[in-house]
C-alpha atoms as a PDB file:
ATOM      1  CA  MET A   1      52.085 101.308 126.974  1.00  0.00           C
ATOM      2  CA  THR A   2      49.570  98.748 128.158  1.00  0.00           C
ATOM      3  CA  HIS A   3      47.166  99.336 130.977  1.00  0.00           C
ATOM      4  CA  GLY A   4      48.590  96.241 132.730  1.00  0.00           C
ATOM      5  CA  TRP A   5      51.988  97.946 132.920  1.00  0.00           C
ATOM      6  CA  THR A   6      50.557 101.235 134.137  1.00  0.00           C
ATOM      7  CA  GLY A   7      48.672  99.410 136.868  1.00  0.00           C
ATOM      8  CA  GLN A   8      50.227  96.200 138.124  1.00  0.00           C
ATOM      9  CA  GLY A   9      53.631  96.997 136.614  1.00  0.00           C
ATOM     10  CA  ARG A  10      53.916 100.227 138.567  1.00  0.00           C
ATOM     11  CA  ARG A  11      52.901  98.477 141.764  1.00  0.00           C
ATOM     12  CA  THR A  12      55.642  95.945 141.107  1.00  0.00           C
ATOM     13  CA  ALA A  13      58.149  98.762 140.634  1.00  0.00           C
ATOM     14  CA  GLN A  14      57.163 100.296 143.973  1.00  0.00           C
ATOM     15  CA  ALA A  15      57.354  96.897 145.674  1.00  0.00           C
ATOM     16  CA  SER A  16      60.867  96.502 144.250  1.00  0.00           C
ATOM     17  CA  GLY A  17      61.709  99.912 145.679  1.00  0.00           C
ATOM     18  CA  LEU A  18      60.451  98.840 149.085  1.00  0.00           C
ATOM     19  CA  VAL A  19      62.668  95.742 148.925  1.00  0.00           C
ATOM     20  CA  ALA A  20      65.655  97.908 147.932  1.00  0.00           C
ATOM     21  CA  LEU A  21      64.939 100.230 150.854  1.00  0.00           C
ATOM     22  CA  ALA A  22      64.775  97.291 153.273  1.00  0.00           C
ATOM     23  CA  LEU A  23      68.046  95.851 151.930  1.00  0.00           C
ATOM     24  CA  GLY A  24      69.739  99.238 152.313  1.00  0.00           C
ATOM     25  CA  ALA A  25      68.538  99.473 155.904  1.00  0.00           C
ATOM     26  CA  CYS A  26      69.788  95.931 156.601  1.00  0.00           C
ATOM     27  CA  LEU A  27      73.250  96.771 155.253  1.00  0.00           C
ATOM     28  CA  LEU A  28      73.457  99.873 157.430  1.00  0.00           C
ATOM     29  CA  THR A  29      72.375  97.790 160.426  1.00  0.00           C
ATOM     30  CA  ALA A  30      75.062  95.204 159.623  1.00  0.00           C
ATOM     31  CA  LEU A  31      77.706  97.928 159.810  1.00  0.00           C
ATOM     32  CA  HIS A  32      76.664  98.465 163.428  1.00  0.00           C
ATOM     33  CA  LEU A  33      76.855  94.790 164.343  1.00  0.00           C
ATOM     34  CA  LEU A  34      79.782  93.257 162.470  1.00  0.00           C
ATOM     35  CA  PRO A  35      83.492  93.974 163.018  1.00  0.00           C
ATOM     36  CA  PRO A  36      85.485  96.016 162.276  1.00  0.00           C
ATOM     37  CA  THR A  37      82.827  98.688 161.750  1.00  0.00           C
ATOM     38  CA  SER A  38      80.976  97.622 164.910  1.00  0.00           C
ATOM     39  CA  GLU A  39      83.786  99.330 166.849  1.00  0.00           C
ATOM     40  CA  ILE A  40      82.537 102.740 165.682  1.00  0.00           C
ATOM     41  CA  SER A  41      80.425 104.388 168.383  1.00  0.00           C
ATOM     42  CA  PRO A  42      76.810 104.753 167.209  1.00  0.00           C
ATOM     43  CA  VAL A  43      76.300 107.412 169.872  1.00  0.00           C
ATOM     44  CA  ARG A  44      79.176 109.768 169.069  1.00  0.00           C
ATOM     45  CA  ARG A  45      80.039 108.974 165.436  1.00  0.00           C
ATOM     46  CA  THR A  46      77.853 109.733 162.430  1.00  0.00           C
ATOM     47  CA  LEU A  47      76.798 107.180 159.828  1.00  0.00           C
ATOM     48  CA  SER A  48      79.220 108.678 157.318  1.00  0.00           C
ATOM     49  CA  GLU A  49      82.085 107.538 159.540  1.00  0.00           C
ATOM     50  CA  TYR A  50      81.622 104.075 158.019  1.00  0.00           C
ATOM     51  CA  ALA A  51      82.730 105.481 154.653  1.00  0.00           C
ATOM     52  CA  LEU A  52      86.198 106.315 156.027  1.00  0.00           C
ATOM     53  CA  GLY A  53      87.202 102.697 156.602  1.00  0.00           C
ATOM     54  CA  PRO A  54      86.829  99.178 155.231  1.00  0.00           C
ATOM     55  CA  GLY A  55      83.039  99.418 155.408  1.00  0.00           C
ATOM     56  CA  LYS A  56      82.899 102.116 152.722  1.00  0.00           C
ATOM     57  CA  TRP A  57      81.632  99.818 149.976  1.00  0.00           C
ATOM     58  CA  VAL A  58      78.837  98.505 152.218  1.00  0.00           C
ATOM     59  CA  PHE A  59      77.860 102.067 153.168  1.00  0.00           C
ATOM     60  CA  ASP A  60      77.878 103.157 149.523  1.00  0.00           C
ATOM     61  CA  VAL A  61      75.795 100.180 148.366  1.00  0.00           C
ATOM     62  CA  ALA A  62      73.290 100.844 151.170  1.00  0.00           C
ATOM     63  CA  LEU A  63      72.895 104.473 150.086  1.00  0.00           C
ATOM     64  CA  LEU A  64      72.552 103.469 146.446  1.00  0.00           C
ATOM     65  CA  LEU A  65      69.778 101.018 147.353  1.00  0.00           C
ATOM     66  CA  VAL A  66      67.961 103.809 149.194  1.00  0.00           C
ATOM     67  CA  PHE A  67      68.582 105.981 146.124  1.00  0.00           C
ATOM     68  CA  VAL A  68      66.913 103.406 143.849  1.00  0.00           C
ATOM     69  CA  ALA A  69      63.902 103.178 146.162  1.00  0.00           C
ATOM     70  CA  SER A  70      63.650 106.964 146.312  1.00  0.00           C
ATOM     71  CA  VAL A  71      63.863 107.402 142.540  1.00  0.00           C
ATOM     72  CA  LEU A  72      61.065 104.887 141.999  1.00  0.00           C
ATOM     73  CA  ALA A  73      58.887 106.489 144.677  1.00  0.00           C
ATOM     74  CA  PHE A  74      59.284 110.113 143.630  1.00  0.00           C
ATOM     75  CA  ALA A  75      59.039 109.259 139.926  1.00  0.00           C
ATOM     76  CA  GLU A  76      55.607 107.839 140.734  1.00  0.00           C
ATOM     77  CA  VAL A  77      54.764 110.933 142.778  1.00  0.00           C
ATOM     78  CA  ALA A  78      55.708 113.080 139.776  1.00  0.00           C
ATOM     79  CA  ARG A  79      53.764 110.867 137.351  1.00  0.00           C
ATOM     80  CA  ARG A  80      50.612 111.132 139.437  1.00  0.00           C
ATOM     81  CA  ARG A  81      51.175 114.867 139.894  1.00  0.00           C
ATOM     82  CA  LEU A  82      50.520 114.602 143.616  1.00  0.00           C
ATOM     83  CA  SER A  83      52.531 117.649 144.695  1.00  0.00           C
ATOM     84  CA  LEU A  84      55.003 119.771 142.770  1.00  0.00           C
ATOM     85  CA  PRO A  85      56.826 121.057 145.911  1.00  0.00           C
ATOM     86  CA  ALA A  86      57.117 117.482 147.228  1.00  0.00           C
ATOM     87  CA  THR A  87      58.490 116.327 143.878  1.00  0.00           C
ATOM     88  CA  VAL A  88      61.148 119.058 143.968  1.00  0.00           C
ATOM     89  CA  LEU A  89      62.067 118.073 147.525  1.00  0.00           C
ATOM     90  CA  GLY A  90      62.206 114.437 146.428  1.00  0.00           C
ATOM     91  CA  VAL A  91      64.632 115.347 143.651  1.00  0.00           C
ATOM     92  CA  LEU A  92      66.807 117.160 146.189  1.00  0.00           C
ATOM     93  CA  TRP A  93      66.744 114.122 148.473  1.00  0.00           C
ATOM     94  CA  THR A  94      67.640 111.615 145.757  1.00  0.00           C
ATOM     95  CA  ALA A  95      70.368 113.849 144.298  1.00  0.00           C
ATOM     96  CA  SER A  96      71.780 114.323 147.803  1.00  0.00           C
ATOM     97  CA  LEU A  97      72.237 110.573 148.183  1.00  0.00           C
ATOM     98  CA  LEU A  98      74.465 110.457 145.097  1.00  0.00           C
ATOM     99  CA  VAL A  99      76.486 113.419 146.353  1.00  0.00           C
ATOM    100  CA  LEU A 100      76.940 111.769 149.752  1.00  0.00           C
ATOM    101  CA  VAL A 101      78.289 108.646 148.058  1.00  0.00           C
ATOM    102  CA  THR A 102      80.606 110.683 145.824  1.00  0.00           C
ATOM    103  CA  PHE A 103      82.001 112.974 148.533  1.00  0.00           C
ATOM    104  CA  THR A 104      82.900 111.344 151.838  1.00  0.00           C
ATOM    105  CA  LYS A 105      82.857 113.186 155.132  1.00  0.00           C
ATOM    106  CA  THR A 106      85.937 114.965 156.383  1.00  0.00           C
ATOM    107  CA  ASP A 107      88.612 112.692 157.817  1.00  0.00           C
ATOM    108  CA  TRP A 108      89.764 114.862 160.704  1.00  0.00           C
ATOM    109  CA  SER A 109      92.869 112.733 161.176  1.00  0.00           C
ATOM    110  CA  VAL A 110      94.001 114.193 157.842  1.00  0.00           C
ATOM    111  CA  GLY A 111      92.371 117.609 157.947  1.00  0.00           C
ATOM    112  CA  PRO A 112      89.501 119.547 156.356  1.00  0.00           C
ATOM    113  CA  SER A 113      88.675 119.065 152.691  1.00  0.00           C
ATOM    114  CA  ILE A 114      86.379 120.532 150.043  1.00  0.00           C
ATOM    115  CA  GLY A 115      84.761 117.135 149.583  1.00  0.00           C
ATOM    116  CA  GLY A 116      84.046 116.922 153.305  1.00  0.00           C
ATOM    117  CA  LEU A 117      82.473 120.385 153.247  1.00  0.00           C
ATOM    118  CA  ILE A 118      80.241 119.383 150.329  1.00  0.00           C
ATOM    119  CA  HIS A 119      79.263 116.232 152.219  1.00  0.00           C
ATOM    120  CA  ARG A 120      78.326 118.203 155.329  1.00  0.00           C
ATOM    121  CA  TYR A 121      76.016 120.689 153.632  1.00  0.00           C
ATOM    122  CA  THR A 122      74.515 118.040 151.374  1.00  0.00           C
ATOM    123  CA  SER A 123      73.631 116.096 154.524  1.00  0.00           C
ATOM    124  CA  VAL A 124      71.634 119.091 155.753  1.00  0.00           C
ATOM    125  CA  VAL A 125      69.706 119.198 152.461  1.00  0.00           C
ATOM    126  CA  ALA A 126      69.005 115.462 152.711  1.00  0.00           C
ATOM    127  CA  PHE A 127      67.948 115.644 156.373  1.00  0.00           C
ATOM    128  CA  LEU A 128      65.389 118.365 155.644  1.00  0.00           C
ATOM    129  CA  SER A 129      64.100 117.512 152.172  1.00  0.00           C
ATOM    130  CA  LEU A 130      62.850 113.958 152.718  1.00  0.00           C
ATOM    131  CA  PRO A 131      60.663 114.505 155.810  1.00  0.00           C
ATOM    132  CA  ALA A 132      59.373 117.777 154.362  1.00  0.00           C
ATOM    133  CA  ALA A 133      58.402 116.009 151.127  1.00  0.00           C
ATOM    134  CA  ILE A 134      56.546 113.258 152.973  1.00  0.00           C
ATOM    135  CA  LEU A 135      54.664 115.789 155.090  1.00  0.00           C
ATOM    136  CA  LEU A 136      53.366 117.315 151.859  1.00  0.00           C
ATOM    137  CA  LEU A 137      52.476 113.909 150.420  1.00  0.00           C
ATOM    138  CA  ALA A 138      50.723 112.404 153.422  1.00  0.00           C
ATOM    139  CA  ARG A 139      47.265 113.654 152.448  1.00  0.00           C
ATOM    140  CA  PRO A 140      47.319 113.001 148.687  1.00  0.00           C
ATOM    141  CA  VAL A 141      48.854 109.529 149.091  1.00  0.00           C
ATOM    142  CA  PHE A 142      46.521 108.529 151.962  1.00  0.00           C
ATOM    143  CA  PRO A 143      43.283 110.473 151.273  1.00  0.00           C
ATOM    144  CA  THR A 144      41.048 107.803 152.826  1.00  0.00           C
ATOM    145  CA  MET A 145      43.497 106.211 155.286  1.00  0.00           C
ATOM    146  CA  PRO A 146      43.893 108.587 158.254  1.00  0.00           C
ATOM    147  CA  GLY A 147      45.908 106.120 160.324  1.00  0.00           C
ATOM    148  CA  TRP A 148      48.570 105.714 157.670  1.00  0.00           C
ATOM    149  CA  ARG A 149      48.477 109.444 156.929  1.00  0.00           C
ATOM    150  CA  TRP A 150      49.182 110.348 160.541  1.00  0.00           C
ATOM    151  CA  LEU A 151      51.901 107.689 160.791  1.00  0.00           C
ATOM    152  CA  ALA A 152      53.709 109.238 157.810  1.00  0.00           C
ATOM    153  CA  ARG A 153      53.320 112.684 159.341  1.00  0.00           C
ATOM    154  CA  ALA A 154      54.427 111.602 162.808  1.00  0.00           C
ATOM    155  CA  LEU A 155      57.604 109.952 161.517  1.00  0.00           C
ATOM    156  CA  SER A 156      58.412 113.017 159.398  1.00  0.00           C
ATOM    157  CA  VAL A 157      57.857 115.436 162.274  1.00  0.00           C
ATOM    158  CA  PHE A 158      59.892 113.188 164.559  1.00  0.00           C
ATOM    159  CA  SER A 159      62.769 113.361 162.081  1.00  0.00           C
ATOM    160  CA  LEU A 160      62.578 117.153 161.846  1.00  0.00           C
ATOM    161  CA  LEU A 161      62.479 117.468 165.634  1.00  0.00           C
ATOM    162  CA  TRP A 162      65.721 115.508 165.886  1.00  0.00           C
ATOM    163  CA  PHE A 163      67.263 117.913 163.395  1.00  0.00           C
ATOM    164  CA  GLY A 164      65.992 120.695 165.642  1.00  0.00           C
ATOM    165  CA  THR A 165      68.155 119.379 168.477  1.00  0.00           C
ATOM    166  CA  ILE A 166      71.206 120.063 166.297  1.00  0.00           C
ATOM    167  CA  LEU A 167      70.058 123.650 165.760  1.00  0.00           C
ATOM    168  CA  ALA A 168      69.463 124.004 169.506  1.00  0.00           C
ATOM    169  CA  ALA A 169      72.970 122.715 170.256  1.00  0.00           C
ATOM    170  CA  ILE A 170      74.440 125.196 167.755  1.00  0.00           C
ATOM    171  CA  GLY A 171      72.500 127.998 169.429  1.00  0.00           C
ATOM    172  CA  TYR A 172      73.771 126.888 172.831  1.00  0.00           C
ATOM    173  CA  MET A 173      77.351 126.927 171.532  1.00  0.00           C
ATOM    174  CA  MET A 174      76.895 130.454 170.141  1.00  0.00           C
ATOM    175  CA  SER A 175      75.687 131.598 173.558  1.00  0.00           C
ATOM    176  CA  GLY A 176      78.880 130.390 175.199  1.00  0.00           C
ATOM    177  CA  GLY A 177      78.333 126.666 175.563  1.00  0.00           C
ATOM    178  CA  PRO A 178      80.620 123.854 174.417  1.00  0.00           C
ATOM    179  CA  ALA A 179      81.090 122.874 170.770  1.00  0.00           C
ATOM    180  CA  TRP A 180      77.755 121.562 169.537  1.00  0.00           C
ATOM    181  CA  TRP A 181      79.221 118.323 168.168  1.00  0.00           C
ATOM    182  CA  ARG A 182      80.700 117.575 171.595  1.00  0.00           C
ATOM    183  CA  PHE A 183      77.656 118.632 173.596  1.00  0.00           C
ATOM    184  CA  LEU A 184      75.296 116.550 171.458  1.00  0.00           C
ATOM    185  CA  PRO A 185      75.405 112.730 171.053  1.00  0.00           C
ATOM    186  CA  LEU A 186      75.617 113.422 167.339  1.00  0.00           C
ATOM    187  CA  GLY A 187      75.718 109.815 166.166  1.00  0.00           C
ATOM    188  CA  LEU A 188      72.570 108.913 168.083  1.00  0.00           C
ATOM    189  CA  VAL A 189      70.753 112.052 166.945  1.00  0.00           C
ATOM    190  CA  GLU A 190      71.621 111.407 163.303  1.00  0.00           C
ATOM    191  CA  ARG A 191      70.538 107.776 163.487  1.00  0.00           C
ATOM    192  CA  MET A 192      67.184 108.713 164.994  1.00  0.00           C
ATOM    193  CA  LEU A 193      66.770 111.479 162.417  1.00  0.00           C
ATOM    194  CA  VAL A 194      67.633 109.277 159.442  1.00  0.00           C
ATOM    195  CA  GLY A 195      65.854 106.211 160.788  1.00  0.00           C
ATOM    196  CA  SER A 196      62.526 107.984 161.246  1.00  0.00           C
ATOM    197  CA  ALA A 197      62.780 109.686 157.825  1.00  0.00           C
ATOM    198  CA  VAL A 198      63.542 106.393 156.060  1.00  0.00           C
ATOM    199  CA  ALA A 199      60.687 104.723 157.952  1.00  0.00           C
ATOM    200  CA  ALA A 200      58.409 107.517 156.705  1.00  0.00           C
ATOM    201  CA  LEU A 201      59.653 106.822 153.169  1.00  0.00           C
ATOM    202  CA  ALA A 202      58.745 103.147 153.612  1.00  0.00           C
ATOM    203  CA  VAL A 203      55.230 104.157 154.684  1.00  0.00           C
ATOM    204  CA  LEU A 204      54.970 106.434 151.647  1.00  0.00           C
ATOM    205  CA  ILE A 205      56.017 103.640 149.267  1.00  0.00           C
ATOM    206  CA  ALA A 206      53.503 101.288 150.897  1.00  0.00           C
ATOM    207  CA  GLY A 207      50.843 103.902 150.214  1.00  0.00           C
ATOM    208  CA  LEU A 208      51.895 104.207 146.572  1.00  0.00           C
ATOM    209  CA  ILE A 209      51.621 100.424 146.234  1.00  0.00           C
ATOM    210  CA  ARG A 210      48.183 100.309 147.847  1.00  0.00           C
ATOM    211  CA  ALA A 211      46.631 103.253 146.025  1.00  0.00           C
ATOM    212  CA  ARG A 212      45.218 102.717 142.563  1.00  0.00           C
ATOM    213  CA  PRO A 213      47.471 104.508 140.053  1.00  0.00           C
ATOM    214  CA  VAL A 214      45.858 107.359 138.124  1.00  0.00           C
ATOM    215  CA  ASP A 215      47.208 107.805 134.606  1.00  0.00           C
ATOM    216  CA  ALA A 216      46.815 111.083 132.783  1.00  0.00           C
ATOM    217  CA  GLY A 217      44.492 110.567 129.882  1.00  0.00           C
ATOM    218  CA  ALA A 218      43.546 107.001 130.828  1.00  0.00           C
ATOM    219  CA  ALA A 219      40.017 106.124 129.742  1.00  0.00           C
ATOM    220  CA  ASP A 220      38.951 104.255 132.831  1.00  0.00           C
ATOM    221  CA  GLY A 221      35.714 106.057 133.422  1.00  0.00           C
ATOM    222  CA  PRO A 222      34.895 108.730 136.039  1.00  0.00           C
ATOM    223  CA  MET A 223      37.598 109.418 138.604  1.00  0.00           C
ATOM    224  CA  SER A 224      36.707 108.475 142.151  1.00  0.00           C
ATOM    225  CA  SER A 225      36.574 111.162 144.828  1.00  0.00           C
ATOM    226  CA  ALA A 226      39.720 109.749 146.473  1.00  0.00           C
ATOM    227  CA  GLN A 227      41.582 109.860 143.159  1.00  0.00           C
ATOM    228  CA  SER A 228      40.359 113.364 142.482  1.00  0.00           C
ATOM    229  CA  GLU A 229      41.553 114.513 145.890  1.00  0.00           C
ATOM    230  CA  SER A 230      45.000 112.997 145.273  1.00  0.00           C
ATOM    231  CA  ARG A 231      45.628 115.338 142.323  1.00  0.00           C
ATOM    232  CA  THR A 232      46.995 118.469 143.927  1.00  0.00           C
ATOM    233  CA  TRP A 233      48.947 119.924 141.031  1.00  0.00           C
END
Protein backbone atom coordinates (compact mmCIF):
# COMPACT_ATOMS: atom_id res chain seq x y z
CA MET A 1 0.00 0.00 0.00
CA THR A 2 1.46 3.36 -0.95
CA HIS A 3 1.85 6.21 1.45
CA GLY A 4 -0.26 8.37 -0.91
CA TRP A 5 -3.21 6.02 -0.39
CA THR A 6 -2.77 5.88 3.37
CA GLY A 7 -2.72 9.67 3.51
CA GLN A 8 -4.65 11.47 0.81
CA GLY A 9 -6.63 8.36 -0.16
CA ARG A 10 -8.02 7.97 3.34
CA ARG A 11 -8.95 11.63 3.47
CA THR A 12 -10.80 11.15 0.20
CA ALA A 13 -12.66 8.18 1.67
CA GLN A 14 -13.75 10.25 4.67
CA ALA A 15 -14.80 13.11 2.40
CA SER A 16 -16.90 10.63 0.41
CA GLY A 17 -18.46 9.50 3.68
CA LEU A 18 -19.32 13.08 4.56
CA VAL A 19 -21.01 13.50 1.16
CA ALA A 20 -22.95 10.26 1.71
CA LEU A 21 -24.04 11.50 5.14
CA ALA A 22 -25.22 14.81 3.67
CA LEU A 23 -27.14 13.03 0.89
CA GLY A 24 -28.82 10.76 3.45
CA ALA A 25 -29.85 13.78 5.50
CA CYS A 26 -31.21 15.50 2.37
CA LEU A 27 -33.33 12.46 1.49
CA LEU A 28 -34.78 12.32 5.00
CA THR A 29 -35.54 16.05 4.78
CA ALA A 30 -37.26 15.52 1.42
CA LEU A 31 -39.60 13.00 3.04
CA HIS A 32 -40.78 15.80 5.32
CA LEU A 33 -41.39 18.25 2.49
CA LEU A 34 -42.73 16.30 -0.49
CA PRO A 35 -46.12 14.56 -0.76
CA PRO A 36 -47.38 12.04 0.09
CA THR A 37 -44.93 11.56 2.96
CA SER A 38 -45.16 15.24 3.92
CA GLU A 39 -48.61 14.41 5.34
CA ILE A 40 -46.98 12.43 8.16
CA SER A 41 -46.78 14.52 11.33
CA PRO A 42 -43.14 15.21 12.24
CA VAL A 43 -44.26 15.99 15.79
CA ARG A 44 -46.22 12.84 16.61
CA ARG A 45 -44.88 10.24 14.16
CA THR A 46 -41.39 8.75 14.22
CA LEU A 47 -39.01 8.70 11.26
CA SER A 48 -39.63 4.98 10.78
CA GLU A 49 -43.23 5.79 9.86
CA TYR A 50 -41.93 6.70 6.40
CA ALA A 51 -40.97 3.05 5.87
CA LEU A 52 -44.63 1.95 6.11
CA GLY A 53 -45.72 3.74 2.95
CA PRO A 54 -44.58 4.74 -0.53
CA GLY A 55 -41.55 6.55 0.89
CA LYS A 56 -39.97 3.31 2.13
CA TRP A 57 -37.34 3.13 -0.60
CA VAL A 58 -36.27 6.74 0.04
CA PHE A 59 -36.06 6.06 3.79
CA ASP A 60 -34.04 2.88 3.20
CA VAL A 61 -31.61 4.58 0.79
CA ALA A 62 -31.13 7.43 3.28
CA LEU A 63 -30.26 4.98 6.06
CA LEU A 64 -27.91 3.06 3.79
CA LEU A 65 -26.09 6.29 2.90
CA VAL A 66 -25.67 7.04 6.61
CA PHE A 67 -24.49 3.43 7.01
CA VAL A 68 -21.79 3.92 4.36
CA ALA A 69 -20.60 7.13 6.03
CA SER A 70 -20.54 5.41 9.42
CA VAL A 71 -18.60 2.39 8.16
CA LEU A 72 -15.94 4.63 6.62
CA ALA A 73 -15.67 6.75 9.76
CA PHE A 74 -15.47 3.96 12.32
CA ALA A 75 -13.17 1.87 10.12
CA GLU A 76 -10.77 4.81 10.27
CA VAL A 77 -11.27 5.08 14.03
CA ALA A 78 -10.40 1.39 14.34
CA ARG A 79 -7.39 1.71 12.01
CA ARG A 80 -5.96 4.57 14.06
CA ARG A 81 -6.75 2.71 17.28
CA LEU A 82 -8.30 5.82 18.80
CA SER A 83 -10.62 4.07 21.26
CA LEU A 84 -11.62 0.43 21.54
CA PRO A 85 -14.91 1.15 23.40
CA ALA A 86 -15.83 3.78 20.79
CA THR A 87 -15.06 1.33 17.99
CA VAL A 88 -17.36 -1.27 19.57
CA LEU A 89 -20.10 1.34 19.93
CA GLY A 90 -19.54 2.35 16.31
CA VAL A 91 -19.99 -1.26 15.21
CA LEU A 92 -23.25 -1.41 17.17
CA TRP A 93 -24.43 1.81 15.53
CA THR A 94 -23.60 0.73 11.98
CA ALA A 95 -25.07 -2.76 12.47
CA SER A 96 -28.22 -1.17 13.91
CA LEU A 97 -28.75 0.81 10.71
CA LEU A 98 -28.85 -2.40 8.66
CA VAL A 99 -31.28 -3.98 11.11
CA LEU A 100 -33.54 -0.92 10.97
CA VAL A 101 -33.65 -1.17 7.18
CA THR A 102 -34.34 -4.92 7.31
CA PHE A 103 -37.05 -4.82 9.98
CA THR A 104 -39.63 -2.05 9.68
CA LYS A 105 -41.48 -0.62 12.65
CA THR A 106 -44.76 -2.11 13.77
CA ASP A 107 -47.74 -1.19 11.61
CA TRP A 108 -50.35 -0.79 14.32
CA SER A 109 -53.15 -0.84 11.76
CA VAL A 110 -52.23 -4.51 11.29
CA GLY A 111 -51.00 -5.41 14.75
CA PRO A 112 -47.77 -6.17 16.62
CA SER A 113 -45.01 -8.15 14.93
CA ILE A 114 -41.65 -9.70 15.78
CA GLY A 115 -40.00 -7.52 13.16
CA GLY A 116 -41.50 -4.41 14.74
CA LEU A 117 -40.22 -5.48 18.16
CA ILE A 118 -36.72 -5.98 16.76
CA HIS A 119 -36.92 -2.55 15.13
CA ARG A 120 -37.93 -0.90 18.40
CA TYR A 121 -35.11 -2.28 20.52
CA THR A 122 -32.55 -1.82 17.76
CA SER A 123 -33.56 1.84 17.67
CA VAL A 124 -32.65 2.14 21.35
CA VAL A 125 -29.21 0.65 20.65
CA ALA A 126 -28.71 3.08 17.76
CA PHE A 127 -29.90 6.10 19.76
CA LEU A 128 -27.42 5.40 22.56
CA SER A 129 -24.39 3.98 20.77
CA LEU A 130 -23.60 6.78 18.32
CA PRO A 131 -23.54 9.75 20.73
CA ALA A 132 -21.72 7.65 23.33
CA ALA A 133 -19.06 6.71 20.76
CA ILE A 134 -18.52 10.33 19.72
CA LEU A 135 -18.20 11.44 23.34
CA LEU A 136 -15.34 8.96 23.70
CA LEU A 137 -13.73 10.10 20.44
CA ALA A 138 -13.95 13.86 20.93
CA ARG A 139 -10.56 14.17 22.63
CA PRO A 140 -8.48 11.79 20.49
CA VAL A 141 -9.92 13.13 17.22
CA PHE A 142 -9.59 16.80 18.26
CA PRO A 143 -6.56 16.85 20.61
CA THR A 144 -5.54 20.40 19.64
CA MET A 145 -8.92 21.80 18.56
CA PRO A 146 -10.96 22.52 21.71
CA GLY A 147 -13.75 24.30 19.85
CA TRP A 148 -14.45 21.35 17.60
CA ARG A 149 -14.02 18.95 20.52
CA TRP A 150 -16.65 20.73 22.58
CA LEU A 151 -18.99 20.98 19.59
CA ALA A 152 -18.83 17.19 19.14
CA ARG A 153 -19.43 16.71 22.85
CA ALA A 154 -22.28 19.21 23.03
CA LEU A 155 -24.15 17.62 20.12
CA SER A 156 -23.68 14.15 21.62
CA VAL A 157 -24.88 15.23 25.06
CA PHE A 158 -27.81 17.05 23.47
CA SER A 159 -28.79 13.82 21.73
CA LEU A 160 -28.57 11.80 24.94
CA LEU A 161 -30.62 14.39 26.81
CA TRP A 162 -33.41 14.03 24.26
CA PHE A 163 -33.32 10.28 24.83
CA GLY A 164 -33.59 11.07 28.53
CA THR A 165 -36.95 12.74 27.93
CA ILE A 166 -38.25 9.38 26.69
CA LEU A 167 -37.06 7.70 29.89
CA ALA A 168 -38.68 10.48 31.93
CA ALA A 169 -41.98 10.01 30.08
CA ILE A 170 -41.83 6.25 30.73
CA GLY A 171 -41.22 6.93 34.42
CA TYR A 172 -44.17 9.32 34.50
CA MET A 173 -46.39 6.67 32.91
CA MET A 174 -45.29 4.09 35.50
CA SER A 175 -46.24 6.52 38.26
CA GLY A 176 -49.78 6.79 36.95
CA GLY A 177 -49.47 9.22 34.07
CA PRO A 178 -50.67 8.75 30.49
CA ALA A 179 -48.99 6.43 27.99
CA TRP A 180 -45.51 7.81 27.36
CA TRP A 181 -45.90 7.79 23.57
CA ARG A 182 -49.04 9.92 23.90
CA PHE A 183 -47.67 12.25 26.56
CA LEU A 184 -44.48 12.92 24.59
CA PRO A 185 -44.27 14.54 21.11
CA LEU A 186 -42.37 11.43 20.10
CA GLY A 187 -41.73 12.39 16.49
CA LEU A 188 -40.19 15.72 17.45
CA VAL A 189 -38.11 14.16 20.22
CA GLU A 190 -36.76 11.48 17.89
CA ARG A 191 -35.91 13.99 15.18
CA MET A 192 -34.00 16.18 17.62
CA LEU A 193 -32.26 13.12 19.05
CA VAL A 194 -31.26 11.71 15.66
CA GLY A 195 -30.49 15.09 14.12
CA SER A 196 -28.03 16.09 16.84
CA ALA A 197 -26.34 12.66 16.80
CA VAL A 198 -25.92 12.72 13.01
CA ALA A 199 -24.60 16.29 13.22
CA ALA A 200 -22.07 15.05 15.79
CA LEU A 201 -21.09 12.29 13.35
CA ALA A 202 -20.53 14.92 10.65
CA VAL A 203 -18.24 16.84 13.02
CA LEU A 204 -16.36 13.63 13.79
CA ILE A 205 -15.84 12.86 10.09
CA ALA A 206 -14.64 16.43 9.50
CA GLY A 207 -12.10 15.87 12.26
CA LEU A 208 -10.92 12.61 10.69
CA ILE A 209 -10.44 14.44 7.39
CA ARG A 210 -8.51 17.28 8.99
CA ALA A 211 -6.25 15.21 11.23
CA ARG A 212 -3.12 13.69 9.75
CA PRO A 213 -3.60 9.90 9.57
CA VAL A 214 -1.23 7.83 11.70
CA ASP A 215 -0.38 4.44 10.22
CA ALA A 216 0.92 1.65 12.39
CA GLY A 217 4.48 0.95 11.44
CA ALA A 218 4.79 3.90 9.06
CA ALA A 219 8.33 5.25 8.91
CA ASP A 220 7.51 8.93 8.91
CA GLY A 221 9.82 9.97 11.68
CA PRO A 222 8.98 10.86 15.31
CA MET A 223 5.29 11.05 16.15
CA SER A 224 4.05 14.49 17.08
CA SER A 225 2.60 15.09 20.54
CA ALA A 226 -0.90 15.49 19.07
CA GLN A 227 -0.58 12.18 17.23
CA SER A 228 0.76 10.48 20.32
CA GLU A 229 -2.17 11.76 22.36
CA SER A 230 -4.64 10.45 19.77
CA ARG A 231 -3.54 6.85 20.36
CA THR A 232 -5.63 5.74 23.31
CA TRP A 233 -5.63 1.99 22.77
